[in-house]
Amino acid sequence: MFMSLVARLKTGQLDKARVSLNEVERLRVDVESGKRKLLIKASYPKAVPSFTTATGKSDAASLRLDNTAERNYWTLRDRIATSKSQIDGLQEYIRTQCN
């Protein structure tokens, strides 16, 4: 009985982990295809120079993460989703087994 409960908990948590990782992957694909934009709230220690285009309008598209930073961002999102799923599974196990 104990092993079947653990198996059910594990299966449920694996399903949740897959859903989370699939969501991160969908976001990544959407950003790469241009369907969505990756917006990161940031603060700068000093004034950022103003970039303007030939039309004199500000060019907000020129400020973006480099490829390494963007890959690191997605890796962190994956790891956060995995960690959250593991923590949720442990909490569920504690709630059902340690009362």
Protein backbone atom coordinates (compact mmCIF):
# COMPACT_ATOMS: atom_id res chain seq x y z
CA MET A 1 0.00 0.00 0.00
CA PHE A 2 2.78 2.43 0.92
CA MET A 3 4.62 1.80 -2.37
CA SER A 4 1.47 2.32 -4.43
CA LEU A 5 0.86 5.65 -2.67
CA VAL A 6 4.44 6.74 -3.33
CA ALA A 7 4.08 5.65 -6.97
CA ARG A 8 0.85 7.69 -7.34
CA LEU A 9 2.49 10.74 -5.74
CA LYS A 10 5.54 10.35 -7.96
CA THR A 11 3.43 9.99 -11.12
CA GLY A 12 1.39 13.07 -10.24
CA GLN A 13 4.52 15.12 -9.57
CA LEU A 14 6.17 13.93 -12.77
CA ASP A 15 3.08 15.02 -14.70
CA LYS A 16 3.21 18.46 -13.05
CA ALA A 17 6.93 18.74 -13.80
CA ARG A 18 6.33 17.88 -17.47
CA VAL A 19 3.61 20.54 -17.69
CA SER A 20 5.91 23.16 -16.16
CA LEU A 21 8.83 22.29 -18.41
CA ASN A 22 6.56 22.22 -21.48
CA GLU A 23 5.32 25.72 -20.58
CA VAL A 24 8.89 27.01 -20.34
CA GLU A 25 9.69 25.41 -23.71
CA ARG A 26 6.57 26.99 -25.30
CA LEU A 27 7.64 30.38 -23.97
CA ARG A 28 11.15 29.87 -25.31
CA VAL A 29 9.85 28.94 -28.77
CA ASP A 30 7.45 31.91 -28.78
CA VAL A 31 10.28 34.31 -27.88
CA GLU A 32 12.60 32.85 -30.51
CA SER A 33 9.89 33.08 -33.19
CA GLY A 34 9.01 36.64 -32.24
CA LYS A 35 5.47 35.73 -31.16
CA ARG A 36 6.26 36.98 -27.63
CA LYS A 37 8.89 39.26 -26.20
CA LEU A 38 11.15 38.47 -23.30
CA LEU A 39 10.85 41.37 -20.89
CA ILE A 40 13.14 41.49 -17.89
CA LYS A 41 12.74 44.10 -15.21
CA ALA A 42 16.16 45.60 -14.62
CA SER A 43 17.75 48.55 -12.94
CA TYR A 44 20.93 50.24 -14.02
CA PRO A 45 23.51 51.71 -11.64
CA LYS A 46 23.96 54.77 -13.85
CA ALA A 47 22.08 56.45 -16.67
CA VAL A 48 21.76 54.40 -19.84
CA PRO A 49 22.65 56.35 -22.98
CA SER A 50 19.73 57.15 -25.23
CA PHE A 51 19.76 55.30 -28.53
CA THR A 52 18.01 56.94 -31.44
CA THR A 53 17.35 55.79 -34.97
CA ALA A 54 17.68 57.78 -38.17
CA THR A 55 14.12 58.98 -37.62
CA GLY A 56 15.11 60.45 -34.26
CA LYS A 57 12.89 58.03 -32.34
CA SER A 58 14.22 55.95 -29.48
CA ASP A 59 15.29 52.44 -30.52
CA ALA A 60 14.13 50.23 -27.65
CA ALA A 61 14.86 47.09 -29.70
CA SER A 62 18.60 47.73 -29.47
CA LEU A 63 18.66 46.85 -25.76
CA ARG A 64 18.43 43.10 -25.35
CA LEU A 65 20.17 40.19 -23.69
CA ASP A 66 23.08 38.62 -25.49
CA ASN A 67 22.67 34.99 -26.58
CA THR A 68 24.52 33.54 -23.58
CA ALA A 69 22.45 35.53 -21.09
CA GLU A 70 19.22 34.50 -22.81
CA ARG A 71 20.23 30.80 -22.78
CA ASN A 72 21.13 31.13 -19.09
CA TYR A 73 17.74 32.71 -18.43
CA TRP A 74 15.92 29.75 -19.99
CA THR A 75 18.14 27.26 -18.15
CA LEU A 76 17.26 28.97 -14.87
CA ARG A 77 13.54 28.87 -15.73
CA ASP A 78 13.82 25.12 -16.38
CA ARG A 79 15.66 24.55 -13.11
CA ILE A 80 13.17 26.63 -11.15
CA ALA A 81 10.27 24.64 -12.63
CA THR A 82 12.01 21.35 -11.79
CA SER A 83 12.84 22.48 -8.24
CA LYS A 84 9.27 23.69 -7.65
CA SER A 85 7.91 20.34 -8.79
CA GLN A 86 10.29 18.47 -6.49
CA ILE A 87 9.38 20.67 -3.52
CA ASP A 88 5.66 20.26 -4.25
CA GLY A 89 6.16 16.47 -4.34
CA LEU A 90 8.00 16.46 -1.03
CA GLN A 91 5.33 18.64 0.56
CA GLU A 92 2.59 16.33 -0.71
CA TYR A 93 4.46 13.31 0.66
CA ILE A 94 4.84 15.00 4.06
CA ARG A 95 1.14 15.98 4.14
CA THR A 96 0.00 12.43 3.34
CA GLN A 97 2.58 10.37 5.26
CA CYS A 98 3.77 12.39 8.23
CA ASN A 99 0.53 13.33 9.94
